[in-house]
């Protein structure tokens, strides 16, 4: 899990363009893997103490980024979407594996791929259900074992746009639906 801590100052109109200034301490960081301080706004005072000094802003200002250790925030399912657009052929592969630290295997997992084009001449592996009006392809996986091998879902389809002629990259979105107890 990664996150960002933002500072919200008083708006410039309210603060009269005065600087916002305060100090803070970072404690209880045993679960934190990494912290990156925004050095242009935050300075270290030592002993996990930091000082912030910045002008008022309408927008929230990022002051630090952090990531937590994986075992502290176990993600039930790790998913990777790989897309390849060669010529007029679009290939999409979804790779998935469950977190081995879960108390039980994931069951009844649905992978829903939003197709970027009208679905015609699809090559799908394994079999999936096509919802043509919604331009969706849905795979249903009965169970993803805790220490199982990497699962793969694939689809290939022709697209109207040649990769060299495309001004923008084709967006491919995948939703995953599952229920975890415990």
N, C-alpha and C. Protein backbone atom coordinates (compact mmCIF):
# COMPACT_ATOMS: atom_id res chain seq x y z
N UNK A 1 0.85 -1.18 0.00
CA UNK A 1 0.00 0.00 0.00
C UNK A 1 0.88 1.23 0.00
N UNK A 2 0.57 2.15 -0.88
CA UNK A 2 1.31 3.41 -0.94
C UNK A 2 0.32 4.55 -0.73
N UNK A 3 0.82 5.65 -0.20
CA UNK A 3 -0.05 6.78 0.03
C UNK A 3 0.71 8.08 0.03
N UNK A 4 -0.04 9.16 0.07
CA UNK A 4 0.52 10.50 0.07
C UNK A 4 -0.17 11.28 1.19
N UNK A 5 0.62 12.04 1.94
CA UNK A 5 0.07 12.93 2.96
C UNK A 5 0.08 14.34 2.37
N UNK A 6 -1.09 14.97 2.37
CA UNK A 6 -1.24 16.31 1.80
C UNK A 6 -1.43 17.34 2.91
N UNK A 7 -0.96 18.53 2.66
CA UNK A 7 -1.19 19.67 3.54
C UNK A 7 -2.18 20.58 2.85
N UNK A 8 -3.23 20.94 3.57
CA UNK A 8 -4.20 21.89 3.03
C UNK A 8 -4.05 23.18 3.83
N UNK A 9 -3.59 24.22 3.16
CA UNK A 9 -3.39 25.51 3.82
C UNK A 9 -4.68 26.33 3.73
N UNK A 10 -4.70 27.42 4.45
CA UNK A 10 -5.80 28.37 4.26
C UNK A 10 -5.68 28.93 2.85
N UNK A 11 -6.79 29.24 2.20
CA UNK A 11 -6.70 29.83 0.86
C UNK A 11 -5.94 31.16 0.92
N UNK A 12 -5.25 31.52 -0.16
CA UNK A 12 -4.47 32.76 -0.18
C UNK A 12 -5.29 34.00 0.18
N UNK A 13 -6.56 34.03 -0.24
CA UNK A 13 -7.41 35.20 0.06
C UNK A 13 -7.64 35.35 1.56
N UNK A 14 -7.81 34.23 2.26
CA UNK A 14 -8.09 34.24 3.70
C UNK A 14 -6.81 34.51 4.50
N UNK A 15 -5.71 33.89 4.08
CA UNK A 15 -4.47 33.99 4.86
C UNK A 15 -3.70 35.27 4.59
N UNK A 16 -4.11 36.01 3.58
CA UNK A 16 -3.37 37.23 3.24
C UNK A 16 -1.98 36.92 2.71
N UNK A 17 -1.85 35.78 2.03
CA UNK A 17 -0.57 35.32 1.46
C UNK A 17 0.52 35.11 2.51
N UNK A 18 0.12 34.84 3.77
CA UNK A 18 1.11 34.51 4.80
C UNK A 18 1.51 33.05 4.66
N UNK A 19 2.71 32.73 5.10
CA UNK A 19 3.19 31.36 5.04
C UNK A 19 2.52 30.50 6.11
N UNK A 20 2.35 29.22 5.80
CA UNK A 20 1.92 28.23 6.78
C UNK A 20 3.18 27.57 7.30
N UNK A 21 3.27 27.43 8.63
CA UNK A 21 4.49 26.88 9.22
C UNK A 21 4.13 26.03 10.43
N UNK A 22 4.66 24.81 10.49
CA UNK A 22 4.47 23.94 11.66
C UNK A 22 5.51 22.83 11.65
N UNK A 23 5.63 22.15 12.79
CA UNK A 23 6.55 21.02 12.92
C UNK A 23 5.73 19.77 13.24
N UNK A 24 6.26 18.61 12.85
CA UNK A 24 5.60 17.35 13.16
C UNK A 24 6.64 16.26 13.37
N UNK A 25 6.20 15.18 13.99
CA UNK A 25 7.07 14.03 14.26
C UNK A 25 6.45 12.80 13.62
N UNK A 26 7.30 11.91 13.13
CA UNK A 26 6.84 10.63 12.61
C UNK A 26 7.21 9.56 13.63
N UNK A 27 6.19 8.92 14.23
CA UNK A 27 6.39 7.87 15.22
C UNK A 27 5.68 6.60 14.78
N UNK A 28 6.00 5.49 15.42
CA UNK A 28 5.29 4.23 15.17
C UNK A 28 5.43 3.78 13.74
N UNK A 29 6.65 3.72 13.24
CA UNK A 29 6.86 3.43 11.82
C UNK A 29 7.30 2.00 11.55
N UNK A 30 7.03 1.07 12.44
CA UNK A 30 7.46 -0.31 12.22
C UNK A 30 6.80 -0.93 10.99
N UNK A 31 5.62 -0.46 10.62
CA UNK A 31 4.91 -0.99 9.45
C UNK A 31 5.24 -0.23 8.17
N UNK A 32 6.03 0.84 8.29
CA UNK A 32 6.34 1.66 7.12
C UNK A 32 7.60 1.15 6.45
N UNK A 33 7.50 0.90 5.16
CA UNK A 33 8.65 0.42 4.40
C UNK A 33 9.53 1.58 3.98
N UNK A 34 8.90 2.68 3.53
CA UNK A 34 9.67 3.80 3.00
C UNK A 34 8.87 5.08 3.12
N UNK A 35 9.58 6.18 3.41
CA UNK A 35 8.97 7.51 3.45
C UNK A 35 9.83 8.43 2.61
N UNK A 36 9.20 9.18 1.73
CA UNK A 36 9.91 10.17 0.91
C UNK A 36 9.33 11.54 1.23
N UNK A 37 10.17 12.42 1.74
CA UNK A 37 9.74 13.76 2.14
C UNK A 37 9.88 14.71 0.96
N UNK A 38 8.91 15.60 0.80
CA UNK A 38 8.96 16.64 -0.24
C UNK A 38 9.94 17.71 0.23
N UNK A 39 11.20 17.60 -0.19
CA UNK A 39 12.27 18.43 0.37
C UNK A 39 12.12 19.93 0.07
N UNK A 40 11.34 20.28 -0.93
CA UNK A 40 11.16 21.71 -1.24
C UNK A 40 10.27 22.40 -0.20
N UNK A 41 9.47 21.61 0.56
CA UNK A 41 8.57 22.19 1.56
C UNK A 41 8.89 21.75 2.98
N UNK A 42 9.54 20.59 3.12
CA UNK A 42 9.75 19.99 4.43
C UNK A 42 11.24 19.85 4.70
N UNK A 43 11.66 20.23 5.89
CA UNK A 43 13.07 20.05 6.27
C UNK A 43 13.13 19.19 7.53
N UNK A 44 14.21 18.42 7.65
CA UNK A 44 14.38 17.53 8.79
C UNK A 44 15.07 18.27 9.93
N UNK A 45 14.53 18.09 11.13
CA UNK A 45 15.12 18.67 12.33
C UNK A 45 15.88 17.61 13.13
N UNK A 46 15.91 16.36 12.65
CA UNK A 46 16.55 15.26 13.36
C UNK A 46 15.58 14.59 14.31
N UNK A 47 15.91 13.38 14.79
CA UNK A 47 15.08 12.62 15.72
C UNK A 47 13.64 12.46 15.23
N UNK A 48 13.45 12.21 13.96
CA UNK A 48 12.13 12.01 13.34
C UNK A 48 11.24 13.24 13.42
N UNK A 49 11.83 14.41 13.64
CA UNK A 49 11.08 15.68 13.66
C UNK A 49 11.28 16.38 12.31
N UNK A 50 10.19 16.99 11.82
CA UNK A 50 10.24 17.69 10.54
C UNK A 50 9.55 19.03 10.68
N UNK A 51 9.93 19.93 9.80
CA UNK A 51 9.37 21.29 9.82
C UNK A 51 8.85 21.62 8.42
N UNK A 52 7.64 22.17 8.36
CA UNK A 52 7.02 22.55 7.09
C UNK A 52 6.88 24.06 7.06
N UNK A 53 7.23 24.62 5.91
CA UNK A 53 7.05 26.05 5.70
C UNK A 53 6.69 26.25 4.23
N UNK A 54 5.49 26.78 3.99
CA UNK A 54 5.06 26.95 2.61
C UNK A 54 4.05 28.09 2.52
N UNK A 55 3.92 28.63 1.32
CA UNK A 55 2.93 29.68 1.08
C UNK A 55 1.55 29.07 0.95
N UNK A 56 0.54 29.87 1.16
CA UNK A 56 -0.86 29.43 1.04
C UNK A 56 -1.13 28.99 -0.39
N UNK A 57 -2.03 28.02 -0.51
CA UNK A 57 -2.35 27.47 -1.83
C UNK A 57 -3.82 27.07 -1.87
N UNK A 58 -4.41 27.18 -3.04
CA UNK A 58 -5.79 26.72 -3.25
C UNK A 58 -5.84 25.20 -3.28
N UNK A 59 -4.76 24.58 -3.77
CA UNK A 59 -4.71 23.13 -3.93
C UNK A 59 -4.00 22.48 -2.74
N UNK A 60 -4.36 21.24 -2.38
CA UNK A 60 -3.61 20.52 -1.35
C UNK A 60 -2.18 20.27 -1.84
N UNK A 61 -1.22 20.39 -0.94
CA UNK A 61 0.19 20.24 -1.29
C UNK A 61 0.73 18.92 -0.74
N UNK A 62 1.33 18.08 -1.59
CA UNK A 62 1.91 16.84 -1.07
C UNK A 62 3.15 17.16 -0.23
N UNK A 63 3.22 16.60 0.99
CA UNK A 63 4.41 16.85 1.81
C UNK A 63 5.22 15.57 2.04
N UNK A 64 4.58 14.39 1.93
CA UNK A 64 5.36 13.16 2.00
C UNK A 64 4.62 12.02 1.35
N UNK A 65 5.40 11.06 0.83
CA UNK A 65 4.86 9.84 0.26
C UNK A 65 5.37 8.69 1.10
N UNK A 66 4.56 7.64 1.22
CA UNK A 66 4.98 6.50 2.04
C UNK A 66 4.50 5.20 1.40
N UNK A 67 5.16 4.13 1.78
CA UNK A 67 4.69 2.79 1.41
C UNK A 67 4.80 1.91 2.65
N UNK A 68 3.82 1.03 2.80
CA UNK A 68 3.78 0.13 3.95
C UNK A 68 4.31 -1.24 3.57
N UNK A 69 4.78 -1.98 4.55
CA UNK A 69 5.27 -3.34 4.31
C UNK A 69 4.13 -4.22 3.81
N UNK A 70 4.39 -5.11 2.85
CA UNK A 70 3.30 -5.92 2.27
C UNK A 70 2.56 -6.77 3.29
N UNK A 71 3.25 -7.32 4.29
CA UNK A 71 2.57 -8.19 5.24
C UNK A 71 1.62 -7.42 6.15
N UNK A 72 1.76 -6.11 6.24
CA UNK A 72 0.88 -5.29 7.08
C UNK A 72 -0.44 -5.04 6.37
N UNK A 73 -0.40 -4.90 5.07
CA UNK A 73 -1.61 -4.62 4.29
C UNK A 73 -1.73 -5.67 3.18
N UNK A 74 -2.06 -6.90 3.53
CA UNK A 74 -2.10 -7.92 2.50
C UNK A 74 -3.19 -7.66 1.48
N UNK A 75 -2.80 -7.60 0.25
CA UNK A 75 -3.75 -7.44 -0.84
C UNK A 75 -4.22 -8.84 -1.21
N UNK A 76 -5.53 -9.08 -1.23
CA UNK A 76 -6.02 -10.43 -1.46
C UNK A 76 -5.61 -11.01 -2.82
N UNK A 77 -5.52 -10.15 -3.82
CA UNK A 77 -5.27 -10.64 -5.17
C UNK A 77 -4.34 -9.68 -5.88
N UNK A 78 -3.32 -10.22 -6.49
CA UNK A 78 -2.40 -9.38 -7.28
C UNK A 78 -2.73 -9.61 -8.75
N UNK A 79 -2.98 -8.50 -9.45
CA UNK A 79 -3.40 -8.57 -10.84
C UNK A 79 -2.48 -7.69 -11.68
N UNK A 80 -2.12 -8.19 -12.84
CA UNK A 80 -1.30 -7.42 -13.78
C UNK A 80 -1.96 -7.50 -15.15
N UNK A 81 -2.15 -6.36 -15.78
CA UNK A 81 -2.75 -6.30 -17.11
C UNK A 81 -1.67 -5.92 -18.10
N UNK A 82 -1.46 -6.76 -19.11
CA UNK A 82 -0.46 -6.51 -20.14
C UNK A 82 -1.20 -6.33 -21.46
N UNK A 83 -0.89 -5.23 -22.15
CA UNK A 83 -1.57 -4.90 -23.41
C UNK A 83 -0.52 -4.74 -24.49
N UNK A 84 -0.79 -5.30 -25.66
CA UNK A 84 0.13 -5.14 -26.79
C UNK A 84 -0.69 -4.81 -28.04
N UNK A 85 -0.35 -3.71 -28.69
CA UNK A 85 -1.03 -3.26 -29.90
C UNK A 85 -0.01 -3.30 -31.04
N UNK A 86 -0.14 -4.29 -31.91
CA UNK A 86 0.77 -4.44 -33.05
C UNK A 86 -0.05 -4.40 -34.32
N UNK A 87 0.24 -3.42 -35.17
CA UNK A 87 -0.54 -3.26 -36.40
C UNK A 87 -1.98 -2.97 -36.05
N UNK A 88 -2.89 -3.84 -36.55
CA UNK A 88 -4.31 -3.67 -36.22
C UNK A 88 -4.80 -4.75 -35.26
N UNK A 89 -3.88 -5.39 -34.55
CA UNK A 89 -4.24 -6.45 -33.62
C UNK A 89 -3.92 -6.01 -32.19
N UNK A 90 -4.91 -6.12 -31.31
CA UNK A 90 -4.74 -5.79 -29.90
C UNK A 90 -4.79 -7.08 -29.09
N UNK A 91 -3.75 -7.31 -28.30
CA UNK A 91 -3.68 -8.48 -27.42
C UNK A 91 -3.67 -8.00 -25.98
N UNK A 92 -4.47 -8.65 -25.14
CA UNK A 92 -4.53 -8.30 -23.72
C UNK A 92 -4.36 -9.59 -22.92
N UNK A 93 -3.50 -9.51 -21.90
CA UNK A 93 -3.32 -10.64 -21.00
C UNK A 93 -3.49 -10.14 -19.57
N UNK A 94 -4.28 -10.86 -18.79
CA UNK A 94 -4.47 -10.56 -17.38
C UNK A 94 -3.80 -11.69 -16.60
N UNK A 95 -2.83 -11.34 -15.77
CA UNK A 95 -2.16 -12.33 -14.92
C UNK A 95 -2.65 -12.10 -13.49
N UNK A 96 -2.86 -13.18 -12.75
CA UNK A 96 -3.34 -13.03 -11.38
C UNK A 96 -2.79 -14.14 -10.49
N UNK A 97 -2.65 -13.81 -9.21
CA UNK A 97 -2.23 -14.77 -8.20
C UNK A 97 -2.77 -14.27 -6.86
N UNK A 98 -3.19 -15.20 -6.00
CA UNK A 98 -3.71 -14.77 -4.70
C UNK A 98 -2.57 -14.60 -3.72
N UNK A 99 -2.83 -13.84 -2.68
CA UNK A 99 -1.85 -13.63 -1.62
C UNK A 99 -1.78 -14.91 -0.79
N UNK A 100 -0.58 -15.50 -0.64
CA UNK A 100 -0.48 -16.75 0.12
C UNK A 100 -0.77 -16.58 1.61
N UNK A 101 -0.82 -15.34 2.11
CA UNK A 101 -1.08 -15.10 3.53
C UNK A 101 -2.57 -15.05 3.87
N UNK A 102 -3.43 -15.21 2.88
CA UNK A 102 -4.88 -15.19 3.15
C UNK A 102 -5.27 -16.43 3.94
N UNK A 103 -6.33 -16.34 4.75
CA UNK A 103 -6.76 -17.50 5.53
C UNK A 103 -7.41 -18.60 4.70
N UNK A 104 -7.94 -18.27 3.53
CA UNK A 104 -8.61 -19.26 2.68
C UNK A 104 -8.47 -18.83 1.22
N UNK A 105 -8.59 -19.79 0.29
CA UNK A 105 -8.51 -19.43 -1.13
C UNK A 105 -9.64 -18.49 -1.54
N UNK A 106 -9.40 -17.71 -2.57
CA UNK A 106 -10.45 -16.85 -3.13
C UNK A 106 -11.36 -17.71 -4.00
N UNK A 107 -12.66 -17.50 -3.89
CA UNK A 107 -13.60 -18.27 -4.70
C UNK A 107 -14.52 -17.32 -5.45
N UNK A 108 -15.07 -17.83 -6.54
CA UNK A 108 -16.01 -17.07 -7.38
C UNK A 108 -15.48 -15.69 -7.74
N UNK A 109 -14.34 -15.67 -8.38
CA UNK A 109 -13.70 -14.42 -8.78
C UNK A 109 -14.11 -14.10 -10.22
N UNK A 110 -14.57 -12.87 -10.44
CA UNK A 110 -14.98 -12.44 -11.78
C UNK A 110 -14.00 -11.38 -12.29
N UNK A 111 -13.48 -11.60 -13.48
CA UNK A 111 -12.63 -10.63 -14.16
C UNK A 111 -13.45 -10.06 -15.31
N UNK A 112 -13.68 -8.76 -15.31
CA UNK A 112 -14.49 -8.12 -16.34
C UNK A 112 -13.60 -7.15 -17.10
N UNK A 113 -13.43 -7.43 -18.38
CA UNK A 113 -12.58 -6.60 -19.24
C UNK A 113 -13.47 -5.73 -20.11
N UNK A 114 -13.30 -4.41 -19.99
CA UNK A 114 -14.03 -3.47 -20.84
C UNK A 114 -13.30 -3.40 -22.18
N UNK A 115 -13.96 -3.80 -23.24
CA UNK A 115 -13.33 -3.82 -24.55
C UNK A 115 -13.33 -2.42 -25.16
N UNK A 116 -12.21 -2.00 -25.72
CA UNK A 116 -12.12 -0.64 -26.26
C UNK A 116 -12.81 -0.47 -27.61
N UNK A 117 -13.15 -1.58 -28.26
CA UNK A 117 -13.78 -1.53 -29.58
C UNK A 117 -14.98 -2.46 -29.61
N UNK A 118 -15.76 -2.38 -30.68
CA UNK A 118 -16.89 -3.28 -30.85
C UNK A 118 -16.35 -4.71 -30.96
N UNK A 119 -16.83 -5.63 -30.13
CA UNK A 119 -16.24 -6.97 -30.09
C UNK A 119 -16.59 -7.82 -31.31
N UNK A 120 -15.61 -8.03 -32.17
CA UNK A 120 -15.76 -8.93 -33.31
C UNK A 120 -14.49 -9.76 -33.44
N UNK A 121 -14.63 -10.98 -33.89
CA UNK A 121 -13.50 -11.88 -34.13
C UNK A 121 -12.56 -11.99 -32.94
N UNK A 122 -13.12 -12.20 -31.75
CA UNK A 122 -12.31 -12.33 -30.55
C UNK A 122 -11.71 -13.73 -30.46
N UNK A 123 -10.46 -13.80 -30.03
CA UNK A 123 -9.83 -15.07 -29.68
C UNK A 123 -9.59 -15.01 -28.18
N UNK A 124 -10.25 -15.90 -27.42
CA UNK A 124 -10.24 -15.82 -25.96
C UNK A 124 -9.72 -17.14 -25.38
N UNK A 125 -8.92 -17.02 -24.32
CA UNK A 125 -8.42 -18.20 -23.62
C UNK A 125 -8.25 -17.86 -22.14
N UNK A 126 -8.83 -18.65 -21.24
CA UNK A 126 -9.86 -19.67 -21.43
C UNK A 126 -11.18 -19.02 -21.85
N UNK A 127 -12.21 -19.86 -21.97
CA UNK A 127 -13.51 -19.36 -22.42
C UNK A 127 -14.02 -18.27 -21.50
N UNK A 128 -14.73 -17.32 -22.08
CA UNK A 128 -15.30 -16.19 -21.34
C UNK A 128 -16.68 -15.89 -21.90
N UNK A 129 -17.45 -15.11 -21.16
CA UNK A 129 -18.79 -14.70 -21.59
C UNK A 129 -18.70 -13.29 -22.16
N UNK A 130 -19.22 -13.13 -23.36
CA UNK A 130 -19.20 -11.82 -24.03
C UNK A 130 -20.54 -11.13 -23.85
N UNK A 131 -20.50 -9.90 -23.37
CA UNK A 131 -21.68 -9.05 -23.29
C UNK A 131 -21.50 -7.98 -24.37
N UNK A 132 -22.04 -8.27 -25.54
CA UNK A 132 -21.82 -7.41 -26.71
C UNK A 132 -22.34 -5.98 -26.52
N UNK A 133 -23.57 -5.77 -26.00
CA UNK A 133 -24.06 -4.39 -25.85
C UNK A 133 -23.19 -3.55 -24.89
N UNK A 134 -22.66 -4.18 -23.85
CA UNK A 134 -21.83 -3.45 -22.87
C UNK A 134 -20.35 -3.44 -23.25
N UNK A 135 -20.00 -4.16 -24.32
CA UNK A 135 -18.59 -4.30 -24.74
C UNK A 135 -17.74 -4.82 -23.59
N UNK A 136 -18.21 -5.92 -22.97
CA UNK A 136 -17.51 -6.51 -21.84
C UNK A 136 -17.25 -7.99 -22.08
N UNK A 137 -16.11 -8.42 -21.59
CA UNK A 137 -15.76 -9.82 -21.61
C UNK A 137 -15.58 -10.25 -20.16
N UNK A 138 -16.24 -11.35 -19.75
CA UNK A 138 -16.21 -11.74 -18.34
C UNK A 138 -15.73 -13.18 -18.20
N UNK A 139 -14.66 -13.33 -17.40
CA UNK A 139 -14.16 -14.64 -17.02
C UNK A 139 -14.62 -14.92 -15.60
N UNK A 140 -15.02 -16.15 -15.35
CA UNK A 140 -15.38 -16.56 -13.98
C UNK A 140 -14.39 -17.64 -13.55
N UNK A 141 -13.65 -17.36 -12.48
CA UNK A 141 -12.68 -18.32 -11.94
C UNK A 141 -13.26 -18.85 -10.63
N UNK A 142 -13.52 -20.17 -10.60
CA UNK A 142 -14.17 -20.77 -9.42
C UNK A 142 -13.33 -20.63 -8.16
N UNK A 143 -12.02 -20.87 -8.27
CA UNK A 143 -11.16 -20.78 -7.09
C UNK A 143 -9.74 -20.41 -7.50
N UNK A 144 -9.13 -19.52 -6.72
CA UNK A 144 -7.73 -19.17 -6.90
C UNK A 144 -7.01 -19.66 -5.65
N UNK A 145 -6.24 -20.75 -5.78
CA UNK A 145 -5.60 -21.33 -4.60
C UNK A 145 -4.56 -20.40 -3.98
N UNK A 146 -4.30 -20.60 -2.68
CA UNK A 146 -3.39 -19.72 -1.94
C UNK A 146 -1.96 -19.77 -2.48
N UNK A 147 -1.47 -20.94 -2.75
CA UNK A 147 -0.08 -21.04 -3.23
C UNK A 147 -0.07 -21.62 -4.64
N UNK A 148 -1.03 -21.20 -5.43
CA UNK A 148 -1.14 -21.70 -6.79
C UNK A 148 -0.23 -20.95 -7.75
N UNK A 149 -0.16 -21.48 -8.96
CA UNK A 149 0.67 -20.83 -9.97
C UNK A 149 -0.07 -19.62 -10.55
N UNK A 150 0.65 -18.82 -11.27
CA UNK A 150 0.12 -17.61 -11.90
C UNK A 150 -0.98 -17.98 -12.89
N UNK A 151 -2.15 -17.36 -12.74
CA UNK A 151 -3.24 -17.58 -13.68
C UNK A 151 -3.17 -16.57 -14.82
N UNK A 152 -3.64 -16.98 -16.00
CA UNK A 152 -3.59 -16.09 -17.17
C UNK A 152 -4.91 -16.14 -17.92
N UNK A 153 -5.39 -14.96 -18.28
CA UNK A 153 -6.58 -14.80 -19.12
C UNK A 153 -6.14 -13.99 -20.32
N UNK A 154 -6.53 -14.43 -21.52
CA UNK A 154 -6.05 -13.75 -22.73
C UNK A 154 -7.19 -13.48 -23.71
N UNK A 155 -7.01 -12.38 -24.43
CA UNK A 155 -7.93 -12.07 -25.52
C UNK A 155 -7.15 -11.34 -26.61
N UNK A 156 -7.47 -11.68 -27.86
CA UNK A 156 -6.91 -10.97 -29.02
C UNK A 156 -8.07 -10.52 -29.88
N UNK A 157 -7.93 -9.31 -30.43
CA UNK A 157 -9.02 -8.78 -31.25
C UNK A 157 -8.47 -7.81 -32.28
N UNK A 158 -9.10 -7.75 -33.44
CA UNK A 158 -8.71 -6.72 -34.40
C UNK A 158 -9.27 -5.37 -33.97
N UNK A 159 -8.52 -4.32 -34.25
CA UNK A 159 -8.99 -2.96 -33.97
C UNK A 159 -8.90 -2.14 -35.25
N UNK A 160 -9.71 -1.10 -35.33
CA UNK A 160 -9.76 -0.28 -36.54
C UNK A 160 -8.54 0.60 -36.70
N UNK A 161 -7.81 0.79 -35.63
CA UNK A 161 -6.70 1.74 -35.63
C UNK A 161 -5.39 0.99 -35.73
N UNK A 162 -4.58 1.37 -36.70
CA UNK A 162 -3.23 0.82 -36.79
C UNK A 162 -2.39 1.47 -35.71
N UNK A 163 -1.53 0.68 -35.08
CA UNK A 163 -0.74 1.19 -33.96
C UNK A 163 0.10 2.41 -34.35
N UNK A 164 0.64 2.43 -35.58
CA UNK A 164 1.46 3.57 -36.00
C UNK A 164 0.61 4.82 -36.24
N UNK A 165 -0.65 4.64 -36.65
CA UNK A 165 -1.52 5.78 -36.95
C UNK A 165 -2.24 6.32 -35.71
N UNK A 166 -2.20 5.56 -34.63
CA UNK A 166 -2.94 5.95 -33.42
C UNK A 166 -2.32 7.18 -32.78
N UNK A 167 -3.15 8.21 -32.60
CA UNK A 167 -2.68 9.43 -31.93
C UNK A 167 -2.65 9.21 -30.42
N UNK A 168 -3.58 8.42 -29.92
CA UNK A 168 -3.64 8.12 -28.49
C UNK A 168 -3.57 6.62 -28.29
N UNK A 169 -3.08 6.23 -27.15
CA UNK A 169 -3.01 4.83 -26.80
C UNK A 169 -4.41 4.31 -26.51
N UNK A 170 -4.68 3.07 -26.85
CA UNK A 170 -5.98 2.46 -26.59
C UNK A 170 -6.08 2.13 -25.11
N UNK A 171 -7.16 2.58 -24.46
CA UNK A 171 -7.38 2.30 -23.04
C UNK A 171 -8.05 0.94 -22.88
N UNK A 172 -7.51 0.14 -21.98
CA UNK A 172 -8.09 -1.15 -21.64
C UNK A 172 -8.26 -1.17 -20.13
N UNK A 173 -9.48 -1.47 -19.66
CA UNK A 173 -9.79 -1.45 -18.23
C UNK A 173 -10.30 -2.82 -17.82
N UNK A 174 -9.83 -3.29 -16.66
CA UNK A 174 -10.29 -4.56 -16.12
C UNK A 174 -10.78 -4.36 -14.70
N UNK A 175 -11.95 -4.91 -14.39
CA UNK A 175 -12.49 -4.90 -13.04
C UNK A 175 -12.41 -6.32 -12.50
N UNK A 176 -12.13 -6.44 -11.21
CA UNK A 176 -12.09 -7.75 -10.57
C UNK A 176 -13.07 -7.72 -9.40
N UNK A 177 -13.95 -8.71 -9.35
CA UNK A 177 -14.93 -8.78 -8.27
C UNK A 177 -14.71 -10.08 -7.50
N UNK A 178 -14.56 -9.95 -6.17
CA UNK A 178 -14.41 -11.11 -5.32
C UNK A 178 -14.81 -10.75 -3.91
N UNK A 179 -14.97 -11.75 -3.07
CA UNK A 179 -15.36 -11.55 -1.68
C UNK A 179 -14.34 -12.26 -0.80
N UNK A 180 -13.87 -11.56 0.22
CA UNK A 180 -12.91 -12.14 1.16
C UNK A 180 -13.52 -12.11 2.54
N UNK A 181 -13.43 -13.22 3.25
CA UNK A 181 -13.90 -13.27 4.63
C UNK A 181 -12.70 -13.54 5.52
N UNK A 182 -12.73 -12.90 6.69
CA UNK A 182 -11.64 -13.17 7.63
C UNK A 182 -10.90 -11.95 8.05
